[in-house]
Amino acid sequence: MAKAKSVDVGIRPLEDRVVVEPLEAEEKSAGGIYIPEAAKQKPQRGTVLAVGPGRRTESGELIPVSVSAGDVVVYGRYAGNDVEVNGRDLKVMRESDLLAKIS
């Protein structure tokens, strides 16, 4: 059985779920204009903090998750569920909600 990779964040995801800490929204536009708080968009990038062991097929074969703790990922604007653990705002989402891994 595969071990789940994680950083100690006080939460351990199940199956093919990952825990992501969203990166802060941009404070300044590319042209140097400061963006007011009301106009900021939800961040779509974050750092993976914990990864579940993977999902099982109908035959019982384990398919491991393709990201690991420490990876920076891109996800959909409204993907996952927001949770607060130890004063940190985190997102828990399925691996399929991730769009890309930034290298």
C-alpha atoms as a PDB file:
ATOM      1  CA  MET A   1       0.000   0.000   0.000  1.00  0.00           C
ATOM      2  CA  ALA A   2       1.322   3.433  -0.927  1.00  0.00           C
ATOM      3  CA  LYS A   3       2.001   5.958   1.816  1.00  0.00           C
ATOM      4  CA  ALA A   4       0.444   9.407   1.518  1.00  0.00           C
ATOM      5  CA  LYS A   5       2.991  12.189   1.103  1.00  0.00           C
ATOM      6  CA  SER A   6       2.315  15.215   3.288  1.00  0.00           C
ATOM      7  CA  VAL A   7       3.555  18.110   5.339  1.00  0.00           C
ATOM      8  CA  ASP A   8       2.228  18.283   8.910  1.00  0.00           C
ATOM      9  CA  VAL A   9      -0.772  20.593   8.439  1.00  0.00           C
ATOM     10  CA  GLY A  10      -3.182  18.838  10.779  1.00  0.00           C
ATOM     11  CA  ILE A  11      -5.256  17.347   7.966  1.00  0.00           C
ATOM     12  CA  ARG A  12      -4.754  14.173   5.922  1.00  0.00           C
ATOM     13  CA  PRO A  13      -6.633  13.856   2.628  1.00  0.00           C
ATOM     14  CA  LEU A  14      -8.318  10.610   1.612  1.00  0.00           C
ATOM     15  CA  GLU A  15      -8.239   8.811  -1.743  1.00  0.00           C
ATOM     16  CA  ASP A  16      -7.187  11.086  -4.631  1.00  0.00           C
ATOM     17  CA  ARG A  17      -7.686  14.345  -2.771  1.00  0.00           C
ATOM     18  CA  VAL A  18      -5.006  16.987  -2.202  1.00  0.00           C
ATOM     19  CA  VAL A  19      -4.695  19.840   0.305  1.00  0.00           C
ATOM     20  CA  VAL A  20      -3.597  23.110  -1.326  1.00  0.00           C
ATOM     21  CA  GLU A  21      -2.632  26.409   0.287  1.00  0.00           C
ATOM     22  CA  PRO A  22      -3.685  29.171  -2.135  1.00  0.00           C
ATOM     23  CA  LEU A  23      -1.045  31.749  -3.052  1.00  0.00           C
ATOM     24  CA  GLU A  24      -1.876  35.382  -2.311  1.00  0.00           C
ATOM     25  CA  ALA A  25      -3.781  37.337  -4.965  1.00  0.00           C
ATOM     26  CA  GLU A  26      -1.769  39.839  -6.983  1.00  0.00           C
ATOM     27  CA  GLU A  27      -1.610  43.288  -5.363  1.00  0.00           C
ATOM     28  CA  LYS A  28      -0.380  45.044  -8.502  1.00  0.00           C
ATOM     29  CA  SER A  29      -1.245  44.552 -12.178  1.00  0.00           C
ATOM     30  CA  ALA A  30       1.418  43.877 -14.823  1.00  0.00           C
ATOM     31  CA  GLY A  31       1.299  47.580 -15.710  1.00  0.00           C
ATOM     32  CA  GLY A  32       2.032  48.641 -12.118  1.00  0.00           C
ATOM     33  CA  ILE A  33      -1.496  49.642 -11.092  1.00  0.00           C
ATOM     34  CA  TYR A  34      -2.525  48.657  -7.550  1.00  0.00           C
ATOM     35  CA  ILE A  35      -5.627  46.477  -7.440  1.00  0.00           C
ATOM     36  CA  PRO A  36      -8.210  47.351  -4.740  1.00  0.00           C
ATOM     37  CA  GLU A  37      -9.329  44.561  -2.395  1.00  0.00           C
ATOM     38  CA  ALA A  38     -12.852  44.480  -3.899  1.00  0.00           C
ATOM     39  CA  ALA A  39     -11.532  43.926  -7.436  1.00  0.00           C
ATOM     40  CA  LYS A  40      -9.108  41.096  -6.646  1.00  0.00           C
ATOM     41  CA  GLN A  41      -9.951  37.737  -8.159  1.00  0.00           C
ATOM     42  CA  LYS A  42      -9.782  34.478  -6.269  1.00  0.00           C
ATOM     43  CA  PRO A  43      -6.302  32.969  -6.575  1.00  0.00           C
ATOM     44  CA  GLN A  44      -5.973  30.046  -8.970  1.00  0.00           C
ATOM     45  CA  ARG A  45      -2.511  28.916  -7.881  1.00  0.00           C
ATOM     46  CA  GLY A  46      -1.366  27.212  -4.742  1.00  0.00           C
ATOM     47  CA  THR A  47       1.180  24.978  -3.071  1.00  0.00           C
ATOM     48  CA  VAL A  48       0.318  21.342  -2.411  1.00  0.00           C
ATOM     49  CA  LEU A  49       0.697  20.590   1.300  1.00  0.00           C
ATOM     50  CA  ALA A  50      -0.665  17.048   1.544  1.00  0.00           C
ATOM     51  CA  VAL A  51      -1.616  14.275  -0.864  1.00  0.00           C
ATOM     52  CA  GLY A  52      -3.838  11.249  -0.371  1.00  0.00           C
ATOM     53  CA  PRO A  53      -2.701   7.739  -1.322  1.00  0.00           C
ATOM     54  CA  GLY A  54      -4.667   7.664  -4.600  1.00  0.00           C
ATOM     55  CA  ARG A  55      -7.870   6.115  -5.827  1.00  0.00           C
ATOM     56  CA  ARG A  56      -8.700   2.481  -6.389  1.00  0.00           C
ATOM     57  CA  THR A  57     -10.098   1.021  -9.585  1.00  0.00           C
ATOM     58  CA  GLU A  58     -13.003  -1.415  -9.560  1.00  0.00           C
ATOM     59  CA  SER A  59     -10.484  -4.269  -9.613  1.00  0.00           C
ATOM     60  CA  GLY A  60      -8.781  -2.882  -6.479  1.00  0.00           C
ATOM     61  CA  GLU A  61      -5.645  -1.528  -8.183  1.00  0.00           C
ATOM     62  CA  LEU A  62      -4.276   1.665  -6.574  1.00  0.00           C
ATOM     63  CA  ILE A  63      -3.695   4.581  -8.940  1.00  0.00           C
ATOM     64  CA  PRO A  64      -1.330   7.029  -7.151  1.00  0.00           C
ATOM     65  CA  VAL A  65      -1.770  10.803  -7.288  1.00  0.00           C
ATOM     66  CA  SER A  66       0.526  12.524  -9.816  1.00  0.00           C
ATOM     67  CA  VAL A  67       1.433  15.533  -7.628  1.00  0.00           C
ATOM     68  CA  SER A  68       3.403  15.606  -4.389  1.00  0.00           C
ATOM     69  CA  ALA A  69       3.784  17.926  -1.414  1.00  0.00           C
ATOM     70  CA  GLY A  70       5.635  21.107  -2.375  1.00  0.00           C
ATOM     71  CA  ASP A  71       4.399  21.249  -5.986  1.00  0.00           C
ATOM     72  CA  VAL A  72       2.866  24.531  -7.194  1.00  0.00           C
ATOM     73  CA  VAL A  73      -0.373  23.866  -9.071  1.00  0.00           C
ATOM     74  CA  VAL A  74      -3.056  25.709 -11.016  1.00  0.00           C
ATOM     75  CA  TYR A  75      -6.701  24.905 -10.303  1.00  0.00           C
ATOM     76  CA  GLY A  76     -10.132  26.156 -11.345  1.00  0.00           C
ATOM     77  CA  ARG A  77     -11.327  29.390  -9.753  1.00  0.00           C
ATOM     78  CA  TYR A  78     -14.137  27.691  -7.823  1.00  0.00           C
ATOM     79  CA  ALA A  79     -12.540  24.245  -7.413  1.00  0.00           C
ATOM     80  CA  GLY A  80     -12.417  22.371  -4.135  1.00  0.00           C
ATOM     81  CA  ASN A  81     -13.744  23.089  -0.681  1.00  0.00           C
ATOM     82  CA  ASP A  82     -12.424  25.825   1.581  1.00  0.00           C
ATOM     83  CA  VAL A  83     -11.408  24.739   5.088  1.00  0.00           C
ATOM     84  CA  GLU A  84      -9.592  26.429   7.945  1.00  0.00           C
ATOM     85  CA  VAL A  85      -7.060  24.319   9.845  1.00  0.00           C
ATOM     86  CA  ASN A  86      -4.895  25.757  12.622  1.00  0.00           C
ATOM     87  CA  GLY A  87      -5.666  29.301  11.451  1.00  0.00           C
ATOM     88  CA  ARG A  88      -4.657  28.607   7.832  1.00  0.00           C
ATOM     89  CA  ASP A  89      -7.100  28.902   4.926  1.00  0.00           C
ATOM     90  CA  LEU A  90      -6.709  25.768   2.806  1.00  0.00           C
ATOM     91  CA  LYS A  91      -8.492  24.060  -0.076  1.00  0.00           C
ATOM     92  CA  VAL A  92      -9.250  20.346  -0.284  1.00  0.00           C
ATOM     93  CA  MET A  93      -9.887  19.142  -3.826  1.00  0.00           C
ATOM     94  CA  ARG A  94      -9.749  16.059  -5.990  1.00  0.00           C
ATOM     95  CA  GLU A  95      -6.757  15.548  -8.229  1.00  0.00           C
ATOM     96  CA  SER A  96      -9.062  15.931 -11.230  1.00  0.00           C
ATOM     97  CA  ASP A  97      -9.768  19.556 -10.146  1.00  0.00           C
ATOM     98  CA  LEU A  98      -6.100  20.417 -10.735  1.00  0.00           C
ATOM     99  CA  LEU A  99      -5.407  21.891 -14.169  1.00  0.00           C
ATOM    100  CA  ALA A 100      -1.603  21.972 -14.278  1.00  0.00           C
ATOM    101  CA  LYS A 101       1.593  21.637 -12.291  1.00  0.00           C
ATOM    102  CA  ILE A 102       3.991  24.594 -12.564  1.00  0.00           C
ATOM    103  CA  SER A 103       7.616  23.575 -13.021  1.00  0.00           C
END
